[in-house]
Amino acid sequence: MVKEDKYYIALDDYEHGIIVRSLNDTKTELQKEGKFTSDVNDLIVKVGTAPKKKFKVIEKDRDDESR
């Protein structure tokens, strides 16, 4: 069994709302076109019920990063 990569992003409440509304808009467009919406529905549930977690964000200047 292959382990899938997971992605974590930090969103504030405003950004979270934008994501949920965008997914709802996409779902509406798919419904109008007569296409399946199950994948978008799954994402709406996943994003809408994602737990909040407090953490520290340490920002670095791009100039300080070595490549």
Protein backbone atom coordinates (compact mmCIF):
# COMPACT_ATOMS: atom_id res chain seq x y z
CA MET A 1 0.00 0.00 0.00
CA VAL A 2 1.43 3.35 -1.05
CA LYS A 3 1.28 6.15 1.48
CA GLU A 4 -0.27 9.31 0.05
CA ASP A 5 1.25 12.71 0.71
CA LYS A 6 -0.84 15.06 2.84
CA TYR A 7 -0.81 18.82 2.56
CA TYR A 8 -1.37 21.20 5.44
CA ILE A 9 -2.16 24.87 4.99
CA ALA A 10 -2.75 27.65 7.49
CA LEU A 11 -5.86 29.75 6.88
CA ASP A 12 -7.49 32.48 8.91
CA ASP A 13 -11.29 32.56 9.20
CA TYR A 14 -11.64 34.89 6.21
CA GLU A 15 -9.51 32.68 3.95
CA HIS A 16 -11.35 29.58 5.16
CA GLY A 17 -14.63 31.22 4.17
CA ILE A 18 -13.30 32.05 0.71
CA ILE A 19 -12.30 28.42 0.15
CA VAL A 20 -15.70 27.08 1.25
CA ARG A 21 -17.60 29.63 -0.90
CA SER A 22 -15.41 28.86 -3.90
CA LEU A 23 -16.06 25.15 -3.52
CA ASN A 24 -19.80 25.83 -3.26
CA ASP A 25 -19.66 27.97 -6.42
CA THR A 26 -17.81 25.18 -8.21
CA LYS A 27 -20.41 22.66 -7.04
CA THR A 28 -23.22 24.88 -8.35
CA GLU A 29 -21.54 25.23 -11.75
CA LEU A 30 -21.03 21.47 -12.00
CA GLN A 31 -24.69 20.88 -11.14
CA LYS A 32 -25.78 23.34 -13.85
CA GLU A 33 -23.64 21.41 -16.35
CA GLY A 34 -25.13 18.10 -15.21
CA LYS A 35 -21.79 16.80 -13.94
CA PHE A 36 -21.04 14.80 -10.81
CA THR A 37 -20.33 16.80 -7.65
CA SER A 38 -19.32 14.03 -5.25
CA ASP A 39 -15.63 14.96 -5.20
CA VAL A 40 -16.42 18.63 -4.54
CA ASN A 41 -18.92 17.58 -1.85
CA ASP A 42 -16.18 15.56 -0.15
CA LEU A 43 -13.84 18.56 -0.20
CA ILE A 44 -16.52 20.87 1.21
CA VAL A 45 -17.01 18.49 4.13
CA LYS A 46 -13.26 18.05 4.64
CA VAL A 47 -12.52 21.78 4.60
CA GLY A 48 -15.66 22.72 6.51
CA THR A 49 -14.99 20.32 9.37
CA ALA A 50 -11.21 20.69 9.54
CA PRO A 51 -10.07 21.17 13.15
CA LYS A 52 -8.53 24.43 14.24
CA LYS A 53 -5.05 24.15 15.63
CA LYS A 54 -2.88 26.83 17.23
CA PHE A 55 0.75 26.99 16.19
CA LYS A 56 3.55 29.48 15.78
CA VAL A 57 4.50 30.77 12.38
CA ILE A 58 8.11 31.79 11.92
CA GLU A 59 8.58 33.91 8.84
CA LYS A 60 11.92 34.19 7.11
CA ASP A 61 13.04 36.81 4.65
CA ARG A 62 13.78 35.39 1.23
CA ASP A 63 17.23 36.99 1.38
CA ASP A 64 18.12 34.99 4.50
CA GLU A 65 17.36 31.62 2.92
CA SER A 66 20.24 29.73 1.39
CA ARG A 67 19.56 27.52 -1.59
